PDB file of N, CA and C in Angstrom:
ATOM      1  N   UNK A   1     -73.036  50.427 103.259  1.00  0.00           N
ATOM      2  CA  UNK A   1     -71.776  51.021 103.640  1.00  0.00           C
ATOM      3  C   UNK A   1     -71.344  52.000 102.551  1.00  0.00           C
ATOM      4  N   UNK A   2     -71.081  53.258 102.915  1.00  0.00           N
ATOM      5  CA  UNK A   2     -70.677  54.291 101.960  1.00  0.00           C
ATOM      6  C   UNK A   2     -69.191  54.163 101.654  1.00  0.00           C
ATOM      7  N   UNK A   3     -68.846  54.427 100.411  1.00  0.00           N
ATOM      8  CA  UNK A   3     -67.442  54.406 100.025  1.00  0.00           C
ATOM      9  C   UNK A   3     -66.983  55.816  99.724  1.00  0.00           C
ATOM     10  N   UNK A   4     -65.706  56.051  99.864  1.00  0.00           N
ATOM     11  CA  UNK A   4     -65.124  57.369  99.639  1.00  0.00           C
ATOM     12  C   UNK A   4     -64.172  57.261  98.462  1.00  0.00           C
ATOM     13  N   UNK A   5     -64.426  57.982  97.397  1.00  0.00           N
ATOM     14  CA  UNK A   5     -63.547  57.916  96.241  1.00  0.00           C
ATOM     15  C   UNK A   5     -62.970  59.275  95.893  1.00  0.00           C
ATOM     16  N   UNK A   6     -62.681  60.083  96.907  1.00  0.00           N
ATOM     17  CA  UNK A   6     -62.125  61.413  96.704  1.00  0.00           C
ATOM     18  C   UNK A   6     -60.609  61.389  96.687  1.00  0.00           C
ATOM     19  N   UNK A   7     -60.011  62.420  96.064  1.00  0.00           N
ATOM     20  CA  UNK A   7     -58.561  62.557  96.089  1.00  0.00           C
ATOM     21  C   UNK A   7     -58.172  64.015  96.280  1.00  0.00           C
ATOM     22  N   UNK A   8     -56.992  64.224  96.833  1.00  0.00           N
ATOM     23  CA  UNK A   8     -56.335  65.522  96.907  1.00  0.00           C
ATOM     24  C   UNK A   8     -54.888  65.276  96.549  1.00  0.00           C
ATOM     25  N   UNK A   9     -54.384  66.006  95.550  1.00  0.00           N
ATOM     26  CA  UNK A   9     -53.027  65.789  95.084  1.00  0.00           C
ATOM     27  C   UNK A   9     -52.418  67.126  94.663  1.00  0.00           C
ATOM     28  N   UNK A  10     -51.115  67.261  94.864  1.00  0.00           N
ATOM     29  CA  UNK A  10     -50.389  68.444  94.433  1.00  0.00           C
ATOM     30  C   UNK A  10     -49.379  68.028  93.385  1.00  0.00           C
ATOM     31  N   UNK A  11     -49.277  68.827  92.334  1.00  0.00           N
ATOM     32  CA  UNK A  11     -48.343  68.515  91.265  1.00  0.00           C
ATOM     33  C   UNK A  11     -48.134  69.705  90.352  1.00  0.00           C
ATOM     34  N   UNK A  12     -47.429  69.459  89.252  1.00  0.00           N
ATOM     35  CA  UNK A  12     -47.116  70.501  88.279  1.00  0.00           C
ATOM     36  C   UNK A  12     -47.878  70.203  86.993  1.00  0.00           C
ATOM     37  N   UNK A  13     -48.559  71.213  86.459  1.00  0.00           N
ATOM     38  CA  UNK A  13     -49.255  71.055  85.192  1.00  0.00           C
ATOM     39  C   UNK A  13     -48.182  70.817  84.122  1.00  0.00           C
ATOM     40  N   UNK A  14     -48.231  69.654  83.465  1.00  0.00           N
ATOM     41  CA  UNK A  14     -47.170  69.243  82.539  1.00  0.00           C
ATOM     42  C   UNK A  14     -47.301  69.876  81.154  1.00  0.00           C
ATOM     43  N   UNK A  15     -48.508  70.254  80.762  1.00  0.00           N
ATOM     44  CA  UNK A  15     -48.716  70.968  79.500  1.00  0.00           C
ATOM     45  C   UNK A  15     -50.040  71.714  79.583  1.00  0.00           C
ATOM     46  N   UNK A  16     -50.178  72.767  78.768  1.00  0.00           N
ATOM     47  CA  UNK A  16     -51.412  73.544  78.780  1.00  0.00           C
ATOM     48  C   UNK A  16     -52.622  72.628  78.576  1.00  0.00           C
ATOM     49  N   UNK A  17     -53.697  72.943  79.266  1.00  0.00           N
ATOM     50  CA  UNK A  17     -54.916  72.138  79.186  1.00  0.00           C
ATOM     51  C   UNK A  17     -55.527  72.192  77.790  1.00  0.00           C
ATOM     52  N   UNK A  18     -56.085  71.072  77.382  1.00  0.00           N
ATOM     53  CA  UNK A  18     -56.897  71.011  76.162  1.00  0.00           C
ATOM     54  C   UNK A  18     -58.310  71.381  76.591  1.00  0.00           C
ATOM     55  N   UNK A  19     -58.859  72.424  75.980  1.00  0.00           N
ATOM     56  CA  UNK A  19     -60.179  72.920  76.377  1.00  0.00           C
ATOM     57  C   UNK A  19     -61.160  72.715  75.235  1.00  0.00           C
ATOM     58  N   UNK A  20     -62.311  72.136  75.559  1.00  0.00           N
ATOM     59  CA  UNK A  20     -63.368  71.917  74.568  1.00  0.00           C
ATOM     60  C   UNK A  20     -64.627  72.622  75.042  1.00  0.00           C
ATOM     61  N   UNK A  21     -65.276  73.322  74.125  1.00  0.00           N
ATOM     62  CA  UNK A  21     -66.505  74.038  74.423  1.00  0.00           C
ATOM     63  C   UNK A  21     -67.671  73.061  74.376  1.00  0.00           C
ATOM     64  N   UNK A  22     -68.454  73.019  75.460  1.00  0.00           N
ATOM     65  CA  UNK A  22     -69.619  72.133  75.542  1.00  0.00           C
ATOM     66  C   UNK A  22     -70.909  72.845  75.148  1.00  0.00           C
ATOM     67  N   UNK A  23     -70.828  74.132  74.866  1.00  0.00           N
ATOM     68  CA  UNK A  23     -72.033  74.910  74.593  1.00  0.00           C
ATOM     69  C   UNK A  23     -72.614  75.462  75.876  1.00  0.00           C
ATOM     70  N   UNK A  24     -73.545  76.392  75.751  1.00  0.00           N
ATOM     71  CA  UNK A  24     -74.204  77.014  76.912  1.00  0.00           C
ATOM     72  C   UNK A  24     -73.215  77.637  77.887  1.00  0.00           C
ATOM     73  N   UNK A  25     -72.041  78.071  77.399  1.00  0.00           N
ATOM     74  CA  UNK A  25     -71.072  78.738  78.264  1.00  0.00           C
ATOM     75  C   UNK A  25     -70.235  77.816  79.123  1.00  0.00           C
ATOM     76  N   UNK A  26     -70.326  76.510  78.925  1.00  0.00           N
ATOM     77  CA  UNK A  26     -69.517  75.581  79.720  1.00  0.00           C
ATOM     78  C   UNK A  26     -68.410  74.979  78.861  1.00  0.00           C
ATOM     79  N   UNK A  27     -67.320  74.621  79.524  1.00  0.00           N
ATOM     80  CA  UNK A  27     -66.181  74.011  78.838  1.00  0.00           C
ATOM     81  C   UNK A  27     -65.702  72.806  79.629  1.00  0.00           C
ATOM     82  N   UNK A  28     -64.962  71.935  78.944  1.00  0.00           N
ATOM     83  CA  UNK A  28     -64.358  70.764  79.564  1.00  0.00           C
ATOM     84  C   UNK A  28     -62.869  70.855  79.299  1.00  0.00           C
ATOM     85  N   UNK A  29     -62.051  70.789  80.323  1.00  0.00           N
ATOM     86  CA  UNK A  29     -60.604  70.879  80.173  1.00  0.00           C
ATOM     87  C   UNK A  29     -59.958  69.591  80.666  1.00  0.00           C
ATOM     88  N   UNK A  30     -58.903  69.170  79.962  1.00  0.00           N
ATOM     89  CA  UNK A  30     -58.145  67.981  80.338  1.00  0.00           C
ATOM     90  C   UNK A  30     -56.675  68.367  80.327  1.00  0.00           C
ATOM     91  N   UNK A  31     -55.949  67.973  81.393  1.00  0.00           N
ATOM     92  CA  UNK A  31     -54.534  68.321  81.474  1.00  0.00           C
ATOM     93  C   UNK A  31     -53.765  67.238  82.219  1.00  0.00           C
ATOM     94  N   UNK A  32     -52.482  67.038  81.841  1.00  0.00           N
ATOM     95  CA  UNK A  32     -51.658  66.077  82.576  1.00  0.00           C
ATOM     96  C   UNK A  32     -51.013  66.766  83.785  1.00  0.00           C
ATOM     97  N   UNK A  33     -51.074  66.103  84.916  1.00  0.00           N
ATOM     98  CA  UNK A  33     -50.467  66.601  86.146  1.00  0.00           C
ATOM     99  C   UNK A  33     -49.293  65.703  86.505  1.00  0.00           C
ATOM    100  N   UNK A  34     -48.111  66.304  86.676  1.00  0.00           N
ATOM    101  CA  UNK A  34     -46.921  65.560  87.092  1.00  0.00           C
ATOM    102  C   UNK A  34     -46.940  65.457  88.612  1.00  0.00           C
ATOM    103  N   UNK A  35     -46.970  64.231  89.103  1.00  0.00           N
ATOM    104  CA  UNK A  35     -47.052  63.957  90.536  1.00  0.00           C
ATOM    105  C   UNK A  35     -45.764  63.257  90.956  1.00  0.00           C
ATOM    106  N   UNK A  36     -45.155  63.719  92.046  1.00  0.00           N
ATOM    107  CA  UNK A  36     -43.891  63.150  92.502  1.00  0.00           C
ATOM    108  C   UNK A  36     -44.012  62.670  93.934  1.00  0.00           C
ATOM    109  N   UNK A  37     -43.340  61.564  94.200  1.00  0.00           N
ATOM    110  CA  UNK A  37     -43.261  61.043  95.560  1.00  0.00           C
ATOM    111  C   UNK A  37     -41.826  60.575  95.804  1.00  0.00           C
ATOM    112  N   UNK A  38     -41.481  60.399  97.038  1.00  0.00           N
ATOM    113  CA  UNK A  38     -40.151  59.908  97.404  1.00  0.00           C
ATOM    114  C   UNK A  38     -40.308  58.556  98.082  1.00  0.00           C
ATOM    115  N   UNK A  39     -39.470  57.618  97.664  1.00  0.00           N
ATOM    116  CA  UNK A  39     -39.537  56.259  98.191  1.00  0.00           C
ATOM    117  C   UNK A  39     -38.123  55.807  98.529  1.00  0.00           C
ATOM    118  N   UNK A  40     -37.978  55.014  99.583  1.00  0.00           N
ATOM    119  CA  UNK A  40     -36.657  54.482  99.934  1.00  0.00           C
ATOM    120  C   UNK A  40     -36.456  53.135  99.264  1.00  0.00           C
ATOM    121  N   UNK A  41     -35.260  52.932  98.712  1.00  0.00           N
ATOM    122  CA  UNK A  41     -34.957  51.632  98.108  1.00  0.00           C
ATOM    123  C   UNK A  41     -34.503  50.662  99.192  1.00  0.00           C
ATOM    124  N   UNK A  42     -34.143  49.454  98.810  1.00  0.00           N
ATOM    125  CA  UNK A  42     -33.791  48.427  99.800  1.00  0.00           C
ATOM    126  C   UNK A  42     -32.551  48.777 100.605  1.00  0.00           C
ATOM    127  N   UNK A  43     -31.697  49.699 100.090  1.00  0.00           N
ATOM    128  CA  UNK A  43     -30.498  50.131 100.814  1.00  0.00           C
ATOM    129  C   UNK A  43     -30.754  51.362 101.678  1.00  0.00           C
ATOM    130  N   UNK A  44     -31.998  51.850 101.676  1.00  0.00           N
ATOM    131  CA  UNK A  44     -32.340  53.011 102.496  1.00  0.00           C
ATOM    132  C   UNK A  44     -32.124  54.342 101.792  1.00  0.00           C
ATOM    133  N   UNK A  45     -31.706  54.320 100.532  1.00  0.00           N
ATOM    134  CA  UNK A  45     -31.504  55.560  99.788  1.00  0.00           C
ATOM    135  C   UNK A  45     -32.844  56.075  99.257  1.00  0.00           C
ATOM    136  N   UNK A  46     -33.039  57.398  99.340  1.00  0.00           N
ATOM    137  CA  UNK A  46     -34.276  57.983  98.837  1.00  0.00           C
ATOM    138  C   UNK A  46     -34.237  58.096  97.323  1.00  0.00           C
ATOM    139  N   UNK A  47     -35.349  57.774  96.696  1.00  0.00           N
ATOM    140  CA  UNK A  47     -35.465  57.837  95.250  1.00  0.00           C
ATOM    141  C   UNK A  47     -36.750  58.585  94.923  1.00  0.00           C
ATOM    142  N   UNK A  48     -36.661  59.582  94.021  1.00  0.00           N
ATOM    143  CA  UNK A  48     -37.842  60.337  93.613  1.00  0.00           C
ATOM    144  C   UNK A  48     -38.484  59.640  92.426  1.00  0.00           C
ATOM    145  N   UNK A  49     -39.794  59.456  92.520  1.00  0.00           N
ATOM    146  CA  UNK A  49     -40.553  58.791  91.471  1.00  0.00           C
ATOM    147  C   UNK A  49     -41.633  59.760  90.998  1.00  0.00           C
ATOM    148  N   UNK A  50     -41.721  59.958  89.687  1.00  0.00           N
ATOM    149  CA  UNK A  50     -42.717  60.855  89.119  1.00  0.00           C
ATOM    150  C   UNK A  50     -43.613  60.099  88.149  1.00  0.00           C
ATOM    151  N   UNK A  51     -44.843  60.580  88.017  1.00  0.00           N
ATOM    152  CA  UNK A  51     -45.788  60.003  87.063  1.00  0.00           C
ATOM    153  C   UNK A  51     -46.713  61.102  86.579  1.00  0.00           C
ATOM    154  N   UNK A  52     -47.244  60.918  85.371  1.00  0.00           N
ATOM    155  CA  UNK A  52     -48.229  61.847  84.831  1.00  0.00           C
ATOM    156  C   UNK A  52     -49.611  61.235  84.976  1.00  0.00           C
ATOM    157  N   UNK A  53     -50.570  62.060  85.371  1.00  0.00           N
ATOM    158  CA  UNK A  53     -51.953  61.610  85.484  1.00  0.00           C
ATOM    159  C   UNK A  53     -52.846  62.628  84.796  1.00  0.00           C
ATOM    160  N   UNK A  54     -53.705  62.165  83.893  1.00  0.00           N
ATOM    161  CA  UNK A  54     -54.658  63.064  83.248  1.00  0.00           C
ATOM    162  C   UNK A  54     -55.758  63.435  84.235  1.00  0.00           C
ATOM    163  N   UNK A  55     -56.048  64.734  84.296  1.00  0.00           N
ATOM    164  CA  UNK A  55     -57.100  65.268  85.156  1.00  0.00           C
ATOM    165  C   UNK A  55     -58.120  65.955  84.251  1.00  0.00           C
ATOM    166  N   UNK A  56     -59.390  65.819  84.568  1.00  0.00           N
ATOM    167  CA  UNK A  56     -60.451  66.465  83.805  1.00  0.00           C
ATOM    168  C   UNK A  56     -61.237  67.397  84.721  1.00  0.00           C
ATOM    169  N   UNK A  57     -61.669  68.545  84.169  1.00  0.00           N
ATOM    170  CA  UNK A  57     -62.462  69.492  84.946  1.00  0.00           C
ATOM    171  C   UNK A  57     -63.490  70.151  84.041  1.00  0.00           C
ATOM    172  N   UNK A  58     -64.701  70.266  84.541  1.00  0.00           N
ATOM    173  CA  UNK A  58     -65.756  70.996  83.852  1.00  0.00           C
ATOM    174  C   UNK A  58     -65.929  72.337  84.538  1.00  0.00           C
ATOM    175  N   UNK A  59     -66.083  73.415  83.746  1.00  0.00           N
ATOM    176  CA  UNK A  59     -66.224  74.744  84.324  1.00  0.00           C
ATOM    177  C   UNK A  59     -66.895  75.671  83.322  1.00  0.00           C
ATOM    178  N   UNK A  60     -67.003  76.925  83.653  1.00  0.00           N
ATOM    179  CA  UNK A  60     -67.599  77.932  82.773  1.00  0.00           C
ATOM    180  C   UNK A  60     -66.515  78.571  81.913  1.00  0.00           C
ATOM    181  N   UNK A  61     -66.888  79.048  80.735  1.00  0.00           N
ATOM    182  CA  UNK A  61     -65.947  79.770  79.882  1.00  0.00           C
ATOM    183  C   UNK A  61     -65.422  80.979  80.658  1.00  0.00           C
ATOM    184  N   UNK A  62     -64.124  81.255  80.536  1.00  0.00           N
ATOM    185  CA  UNK A  62     -63.527  82.400  81.208  1.00  0.00           C
ATOM    186  C   UNK A  62     -63.284  82.211  82.684  1.00  0.00           C
ATOM    187  N   UNK A  63     -63.476  81.000  83.196  1.00  0.00           N
ATOM    188  CA  UNK A  63     -63.270  80.720  84.620  1.00  0.00           C
ATOM    189  C   UNK A  63     -61.805  80.924  84.995  1.00  0.00           C
ATOM    190  N   UNK A  64     -61.543  81.478  86.188  1.00  0.00           N
ATOM    191  CA  UNK A  64     -60.157  81.615  86.651  1.00  0.00           C
ATOM    192  C   UNK A  64     -59.434  80.269  86.743  1.00  0.00           C
ATOM    193  N   UNK A  65     -60.188  79.166  86.890  1.00  0.00           N
ATOM    194  CA  UNK A  65     -59.570  77.839  86.935  1.00  0.00           C
ATOM    195  C   UNK A  65     -58.739  77.594  85.674  1.00  0.00           C
ATOM    196  N   UNK A  66     -59.258  78.041  84.536  1.00  0.00           N
ATOM    197  CA  UNK A  66     -58.574  77.781  83.266  1.00  0.00           C
ATOM    198  C   UNK A  66     -57.224  78.489  83.201  1.00  0.00           C
ATOM    199  N   UNK A  67     -57.096  79.649  83.860  1.00  0.00           N
ATOM    200  CA  UNK A  67     -55.829  80.381  83.881  1.00  0.00           C
ATOM    201  C   UNK A  67     -54.748  79.612  84.638  1.00  0.00           C
ATOM    202  N   UNK A  68     -55.148  78.737  85.551  1.00  0.00           N
ATOM    203  CA  UNK A  68     -54.184  77.953  86.335  1.00  0.00           C
ATOM    204  C   UNK A  68     -53.632  76.763  85.550  1.00  0.00           C
ATOM    205  N   UNK A  69     -54.309  76.376  84.483  1.00  0.00           N
ATOM    206  CA  UNK A  69     -53.967  75.144  83.778  1.00  0.00           C
ATOM    207  C   UNK A  69     -52.978  75.392  82.652  1.00  0.00           C
ATOM    208  N   UNK A  70     -51.894  76.073  82.991  1.00  0.00           N
ATOM    209  CA  UNK A  70     -50.813  76.362  82.052  1.00  0.00           C
ATOM    210  C   UNK A  70     -49.567  75.592  82.482  1.00  0.00           C
ATOM    211  N   UNK A  71     -48.792  75.142  81.504  1.00  0.00           N
ATOM    212  CA  UNK A  71     -47.587  74.356  81.768  1.00  0.00           C
ATOM    213  C   UNK A  71     -46.697  75.035  82.806  1.00  0.00           C
ATOM    214  N   UNK A  72     -46.271  74.244  83.796  1.00  0.00           N
ATOM    215  CA  UNK A  72     -45.349  74.719  84.824  1.00  0.00           C
ATOM    216  C   UNK A  72     -46.007  75.242  86.089  1.00  0.00           C
ATOM    217  N   UNK A  73     -47.324  75.403  86.099  1.00  0.00           N
ATOM    218  CA  UNK A  73     -48.019  75.901  87.277  1.00  0.00           C
ATOM    219  C   UNK A  73     -48.145  74.781  88.319  1.00  0.00           C
ATOM    220  N   UNK A  74     -47.815  75.096  89.562  1.00  0.00           N
ATOM    221  CA  UNK A  74     -47.971  74.133  90.657  1.00  0.00           C
ATOM    222  C   UNK A  74     -49.382  74.300  91.216  1.00  0.00           C
ATOM    223  N   UNK A  75     -50.126  73.204  91.262  1.00  0.00           N
ATOM    224  CA  UNK A  75     -51.513  73.274  91.717  1.00  0.00           C
ATOM    225  C   UNK A  75     -51.837  72.155  92.701  1.00  0.00           C
ATOM    226  N   UNK A  76     -52.815  72.444  93.537  1.00  0.00           N
ATOM    227  CA  UNK A  76     -53.423  71.420  94.398  1.00  0.00           C
ATOM    228  C   UNK A  76     -54.785  71.137  93.786  1.00  0.00           C
ATOM    229  N   UNK A  77     -55.068  69.868  93.529  1.00  0.00           N
ATOM    230  CA  UNK A  77     -56.311  69.476  92.886  1.00  0.00           C
ATOM    231  C   UNK A  77     -57.089  68.564  93.821  1.00  0.00           C
ATOM    232  N   UNK A  78     -58.371  68.854  93.990  1.00  0.00           N
ATOM    233  CA  UNK A  78     -59.269  67.999  94.757  1.00  0.00           C
ATOM    234  C   UNK A  78     -60.347  67.503  93.807  1.00  0.00           C
ATOM    235  N   UNK A  79     -60.793  66.283  94.015  1.00  0.00           N
ATOM    236  CA  UNK A  79     -61.832  65.761  93.149  1.00  0.00           C
ATOM    237  C   UNK A  79     -62.252  64.366  93.520  1.00  0.00           C
ATOM    238  N   UNK A  80     -62.760  63.644  92.513  1.00  0.00           N
ATOM    239  CA  UNK A  80     -63.246  62.287  92.744  1.00  0.00           C
ATOM    240  C   UNK A  80     -62.905  61.415  91.537  1.00  0.00           C
ATOM    241  N   UNK A  81     -62.944  60.110  91.748  1.00  0.00           N
ATOM    242  CA  UNK A  81     -62.693  59.141  90.685  1.00  0.00           C
ATOM    243  C   UNK A  81     -64.037  58.728  90.090  1.00  0.00           C
ATOM    244  N   UNK A  82     -64.079  58.661  88.761  1.00  0.00           N
ATOM    245  CA  UNK A  82     -65.305  58.229  88.096  1.00  0.00           C
ATOM    246  C   UNK A  82     -65.009  57.018  87.227  1.00  0.00           C
ATOM    247  N   UNK A  83     -65.599  55.884  87.530  1.00  0.00           N
ATOM    248  CA  UNK A  83     -65.393  54.700  86.703  1.00  0.00           C
ATOM    249  C   UNK A  83     -66.034  54.912  85.324  1.00  0.00           C
ATOM    250  N   UNK A  84     -65.384  54.378  84.288  1.00  0.00           N
ATOM    251  CA  UNK A  84     -65.938  54.468  82.937  1.00  0.00           C
ATOM    252  C   UNK A  84     -65.565  53.207  82.165  1.00  0.00           C
ATOM    253  N   UNK A  85     -66.283  52.971  81.091  1.00  0.00           N
ATOM    254  CA  UNK A  85     -65.981  51.844  80.217  1.00  0.00           C
ATOM    255  C   UNK A  85     -65.754  52.370  78.805  1.00  0.00           C
ATOM    256  N   UNK A  86     -64.986  51.627  78.037  1.00  0.00           N
ATOM    257  CA  UNK A  86     -64.771  51.975  76.636  1.00  0.00           C
ATOM    258  C   UNK A  86     -64.462  50.696  75.872  1.00  0.00           C
ATOM    259  N   UNK A  87     -64.652  50.764  74.567  1.00  0.00           N
ATOM    260  CA  UNK A  87     -64.349  49.632  73.706  1.00  0.00           C
ATOM    261  C   UNK A  87     -62.995  49.879  73.066  1.00  0.00           C
ATOM    262  N   UNK A  88     -62.066  48.953  73.268  1.00  0.00           N
ATOM    263  CA  UNK A  88     -60.716  49.090  72.745  1.00  0.00           C
ATOM    264  C   UNK A  88     -60.607  48.645  71.296  1.00  0.00           C
ATOM    265  N   UNK A  89     -59.397  48.777  70.758  1.00  0.00           N
ATOM    266  CA  UNK A  89     -59.132  48.346  69.386  1.00  0.00           C
ATOM    267  C   UNK A  89     -59.389  46.853  69.215  1.00  0.00           C
ATOM    268  N   UNK A  90     -59.262  46.134  70.318  1.00  0.00           N
ATOM    269  CA  UNK A  90     -59.528  44.694  70.286  1.00  0.00           C
ATOM    270  C   UNK A  90     -61.029  44.383  70.334  1.00  0.00           C
ATOM    271  N   UNK A  91     -61.855  45.450  70.315  1.00  0.00           N
ATOM    272  CA  UNK A  91     -63.313  45.366  70.345  1.00  0.00           C
ATOM    273  C   UNK A  91     -63.855  44.747  71.634  1.00  0.00           C
ATOM    274  N   UNK A  92     -63.041  44.756  72.685  1.00  0.00           N
ATOM    275  CA  UNK A  92     -63.478  44.285  73.997  1.00  0.00           C
ATOM    276  C   UNK A  92     -63.770  45.490  74.881  1.00  0.00           C
ATOM    277  N   UNK A  93     -64.655  45.275  75.857  1.00  0.00           N
ATOM    278  CA  UNK A  93     -64.975  46.339  76.806  1.00  0.00           C
ATOM    279  C   UNK A  93     -63.870  46.422  77.863  1.00  0.00           C
ATOM    280  N   UNK A  94     -63.393  47.639  78.110  1.00  0.00           N
ATOM    281  CA  UNK A  94     -62.346  47.885  79.104  1.00  0.00           C
ATOM    282  C   UNK A  94     -62.892  48.832  80.169  1.00  0.00           C
ATOM    283  N   UNK A  95     -62.278  48.775  81.345  1.00  0.00           N
ATOM    284  CA  UNK A  95     -62.689  49.606  82.458  1.00  0.00           C
ATOM    285  C   UNK A  95     -61.527  50.502  82.871  1.00  0.00           C
ATOM    286  N   UNK A  96     -61.829  51.751  83.249  1.00  0.00           N
ATOM    287  CA  UNK A  96     -60.800  52.705  83.659  1.00  0.00           C
ATOM    288  C   UNK A  96     -61.404  53.666  84.684  1.00  0.00           C
ATOM    289  N   UNK A  97     -60.530  54.425  85.326  1.00  0.00           N
ATOM    290  CA  UNK A  97     -60.956  55.477  86.243  1.00  0.00           C
ATOM    291  C   UNK A  97     -60.572  56.828  85.654  1.00  0.00           C
ATOM    292  N   UNK A  98     -61.511  57.751  85.640  1.00  0.00           N
ATOM    293  CA  UNK A  98     -61.217  59.137  85.267  1.00  0.00           C
ATOM    294  C   UNK A  98     -61.054  59.937  86.547  1.00  0.00           C
ATOM    295  N   UNK A  99     -60.066  60.842  86.560  1.00  0.00           N
ATOM    296  CA  UNK A  99     -59.845  61.734  87.694  1.00  0.00           C
ATOM    297  C   UNK A  99     -60.576  63.027  87.391  1.00  0.00           C
ATOM    298  N   UNK A 100     -61.654  63.328  88.112  1.00  0.00           N
ATOM    299  CA  UNK A 100     -62.490  64.508  87.884  1.00  0.00           C
ATOM    300  C   UNK A 100     -62.204  65.542  88.977  1.00  0.00           C
ATOM    301  N   UNK A 101     -61.725  66.719  88.579  1.00  0.00           N
ATOM    302  CA  UNK A 101     -61.408  67.782  89.534  1.00  0.00           C
ATOM    303  C   UNK A 101     -62.658  68.565  89.898  1.00  0.00           C
ATOM    304  N   UNK A 102     -62.787  68.888  91.175  1.00  0.00           N
ATOM    305  CA  UNK A 102     -63.860  69.752  91.645  1.00  0.00           C
ATOM    306  C   UNK A 102     -63.320  71.075  92.173  1.00  0.00           C
ATOM    307  N   UNK A 103     -62.028  71.113  92.527  1.00  0.00           N
ATOM    308  CA  UNK A 103     -61.388  72.340  93.013  1.00  0.00           C
ATOM    309  C   UNK A 103     -59.922  72.328  92.584  1.00  0.00           C
ATOM    310  N   UNK A 104     -59.452  73.490  92.135  1.00  0.00           N
ATOM    311  CA  UNK A 104     -58.046  73.650  91.737  1.00  0.00           C
ATOM    312  C   UNK A 104     -57.534  74.931  92.365  1.00  0.00           C
ATOM    313  N   UNK A 105     -56.388  74.840  93.020  1.00  0.00           N
ATOM    314  CA  UNK A 105     -55.806  75.981  93.730  1.00  0.00           C
ATOM    315  C   UNK A 105     -54.327  76.101  93.366  1.00  0.00           C
ATOM    316  N   UNK A 106     -53.883  77.309  93.056  1.00  0.00           N
ATOM    317  CA  UNK A 106     -52.471  77.525  92.739  1.00  0.00           C
ATOM    318  C   UNK A 106     -51.661  77.478  94.025  1.00  0.00           C
ATOM    319  N   UNK A 107     -50.516  76.802  93.953  1.00  0.00           N
ATOM    320  CA  UNK A 107     -49.587  76.731  95.081  1.00  0.00           C
ATOM    321  C   UNK A 107     -48.360  77.551  94.703  1.00  0.00           C
ATOM    322  N   UNK A 108     -48.019  78.501  95.541  1.00  0.00           N
ATOM    323  CA  UNK A 108     -46.845  79.332  95.277  1.00  0.00           C
ATOM    324  C   UNK A 108     -45.584  78.538  95.572  1.00  0.00           C
ATOM    325  N   UNK A 109     -44.625  78.641  94.663  1.00  0.00           N
ATOM    326  CA  UNK A 109     -43.345  77.941  94.843  1.00  0.00           C
ATOM    327  C   UNK A 109     -42.602  78.584  96.000  1.00  0.00           C
ATOM    328  N   UNK A 110     -42.076  77.735  96.894  1.00  0.00           N
ATOM    329  CA  UNK A 110     -41.321  78.241  98.034  1.00  0.00           C
ATOM    330  C   UNK A 110     -39.953  78.717  97.564  1.00  0.00           C
ATOM    331  N   UNK A 111     -39.584  79.893  98.015  1.00  0.00           N
ATOM    332  CA  UNK A 111     -38.264  80.432  97.683  1.00  0.00           C
ATOM    333  C   UNK A 111     -37.218  79.703  98.512  1.00  0.00           C
ATOM    334  N   UNK A 112     -36.053  79.488  97.921  1.00  0.00           N
ATOM    335  CA  UNK A 112     -34.964  78.876  98.674  1.00  0.00           C
ATOM    336  C   UNK A 112     -34.527  79.839  99.774  1.00  0.00           C
ATOM    337  N   UNK A 113     -34.417  79.308 100.985  1.00  0.00           N
ATOM    338  CA  UNK A 113     -33.991  80.146 102.089  1.00  0.00           C
ATOM    339  C   UNK A 113     -32.529  79.863 102.381  1.00  0.00           C
ATOM    340  N   UNK A 114     -31.737  80.925 102.542  1.00  0.00           N
ATOM    341  CA  UNK A 114     -30.316  80.698 102.834  1.00  0.00           C
ATOM    342  C   UNK A 114     -30.141  80.042 104.201  1.00  0.00           C
ATOM    343  N   UNK A 115     -29.165  79.148 104.271  1.00  0.00           N
ATOM    344  CA  UNK A 115     -28.886  78.482 105.544  1.00  0.00           C
ATOM    345  C   UNK A 115     -28.067  79.414 106.427  1.00  0.00           C
ATOM    346  N   UNK A 116     -28.326  79.399 107.722  1.00  0.00           N
ATOM    347  CA  UNK A 116     -27.607  80.273 108.658  1.00  0.00           C
ATOM    348  C   UNK A 116     -26.326  79.631 109.103  1.00  0.00           C
TER     349      UNK A 116
END
């Protein structure tokens, strides 16, 4: 049975991406994406909830993708989850998911429209 571990999310780049050169003209960029959702509380009132999620992307030096990864840019990100392990300060093995982007697209902010 095949599993699907893809994601598509829209959010705001919370700070400029950290870019590291991998050599051979490739780079690795990591950036926090602010993601917001709306949830109703027990009284039926809407409450906005935001969270930051680190996103990672591999690309070529000078790629237009890197120009999108500036603080305040609204982007749609598509990608997949990659399981990883690491050794913590407690010297135990820990498990985590990395969010790996495969496509990044700028979303234009909608202008406020006057009410008639």
